[in-house]
Amino acid sequence: MPKGYLIGHITVTDPEAYREYVVRDTPIFERHGGRFVVRGGASLVPEGTSHERHVVIEFPSYAAAQAAYNDPEYQEVAEIRRRTSEGVIILVEGTE
């Protein structure tokens, strides 16, 4: 069964308030089997434009990634992200 991924491309607009999101999202994603593969860190955009921060969370399946994103507790926490940053969240199925 292919793994699932949640990919976020984020530009934080209120770093102090955004920290609460980072602390509160982790246990929710972990409860759904999520594992952070990328969480911030150095990046280079050799083509096009992008947000400043990148996150990749690997899940056991695409369904698990969807369940994590749709979890009511996560959606409550996601409101913090929406207020304190701009970005794109993508759910994608892996190749294997």
Protein backbone atom coordinates (compact mmCIF):
# COMPACT_ATOMS: atom_id res chain seq x y z
CA MET A 1 0.00 0.00 0.00
CA PRO A 2 1.46 3.40 -0.95
CA LYS A 3 2.27 5.82 1.82
CA GLY A 4 0.56 9.17 2.07
CA TYR A 5 2.14 12.57 2.54
CA LEU A 6 1.05 15.93 3.83
CA ILE A 7 3.20 18.64 2.24
CA GLY A 8 3.09 22.21 3.45
CA HIS A 9 4.70 25.26 1.89
CA ILE A 10 4.38 28.06 4.44
CA THR A 11 5.42 31.66 4.99
CA VAL A 12 5.04 32.50 8.67
CA THR A 13 3.65 36.00 9.30
CA ASP A 14 3.55 35.86 13.12
CA PRO A 15 6.43 33.65 14.36
CA GLU A 16 5.60 33.98 18.05
CA ALA A 17 1.99 32.83 17.65
CA TYR A 18 2.93 30.17 15.05
CA ARG A 19 4.98 28.31 17.68
CA GLU A 20 1.77 27.18 19.37
CA TYR A 21 0.69 25.51 16.11
CA VAL A 22 3.99 23.64 15.83
CA VAL A 23 3.70 22.34 19.40
CA ARG A 24 0.05 21.31 19.09
CA ASP A 25 0.04 19.74 15.61
CA THR A 26 2.79 17.18 16.29
CA PRO A 27 0.91 14.82 18.66
CA ILE A 28 -2.15 14.84 16.39
CA PHE A 29 -0.13 13.82 13.33
CA GLU A 30 1.80 11.22 15.34
CA ARG A 31 -1.48 9.72 16.55
CA HIS A 32 -2.33 9.08 12.87
CA GLY A 33 1.05 7.45 12.24
CA GLY A 34 2.67 10.61 10.86
CA ARG A 35 6.42 11.08 10.81
CA PHE A 36 8.04 14.41 9.97
CA VAL A 37 10.47 13.91 7.10
CA VAL A 38 11.04 17.63 6.52
CA ARG A 39 10.19 20.39 8.98
CA GLY A 40 11.69 23.74 8.09
CA GLY A 41 15.42 23.69 7.58
CA ALA A 42 17.54 25.14 4.80
CA SER A 43 16.04 25.15 1.33
CA LEU A 44 16.88 26.45 -2.12
CA VAL A 45 14.40 27.32 -4.86
CA PRO A 46 16.39 27.03 -8.11
CA GLU A 47 13.29 27.66 -10.26
CA GLY A 48 10.03 29.50 -9.72
CA THR A 49 8.77 31.02 -6.49
CA SER A 50 7.96 29.40 -3.19
CA HIS A 51 7.03 29.99 0.41
CA GLU A 52 9.79 30.20 3.04
CA ARG A 53 9.15 27.03 5.07
CA HIS A 54 8.56 23.47 3.87
CA VAL A 55 7.10 20.52 5.74
CA VAL A 56 6.69 16.91 4.62
CA ILE A 57 4.90 14.43 6.89
CA GLU A 58 4.86 10.77 5.90
CA PHE A 59 1.87 8.60 6.85
CA PRO A 60 1.34 4.84 6.55
CA SER A 61 -1.23 5.45 3.79
CA TYR A 62 -2.96 8.15 1.79
CA ALA A 63 -6.11 7.48 3.83
CA ALA A 64 -4.15 8.07 7.06
CA ALA A 65 -2.87 11.41 5.70
CA GLN A 66 -6.44 12.43 4.84
CA ALA A 67 -7.69 11.31 8.26
CA ALA A 68 -5.00 13.35 10.02
CA TYR A 69 -5.81 16.48 8.03
CA ASN A 70 -9.56 16.04 8.54
CA ASP A 71 -9.27 15.23 12.25
CA PRO A 72 -11.48 17.78 14.06
CA GLU A 73 -8.75 18.36 16.65
CA TYR A 74 -6.25 19.15 13.87
CA GLN A 75 -8.71 21.46 12.12
CA GLU A 76 -9.03 23.40 15.37
CA VAL A 77 -5.23 23.72 15.61
CA ALA A 78 -4.97 24.51 11.89
CA GLU A 79 -6.85 27.75 12.57
CA ILE A 80 -3.70 28.94 14.36
CA ARG A 81 -1.68 28.22 11.20
CA ARG A 82 -4.23 29.99 9.03
CA ARG A 83 -4.08 33.10 11.26
CA THR A 84 -0.30 33.20 11.60
CA SER A 85 0.92 32.21 8.14
CA GLU A 86 0.18 32.00 4.44
CA GLY A 87 0.67 28.82 2.53
CA VAL A 88 -0.41 25.74 0.67
CA ILE A 89 -1.19 22.31 2.13
CA ILE A 90 -1.13 19.31 -0.23
CA LEU A 91 -2.14 15.70 0.45
CA VAL A 92 -0.52 13.25 -1.93
CA GLU A 93 -0.27 9.49 -2.39
CA GLY A 94 3.23 8.03 -2.65
CA THR A 95 4.44 5.66 -5.36
CA GLU A 96 4.66 2.52 -3.26
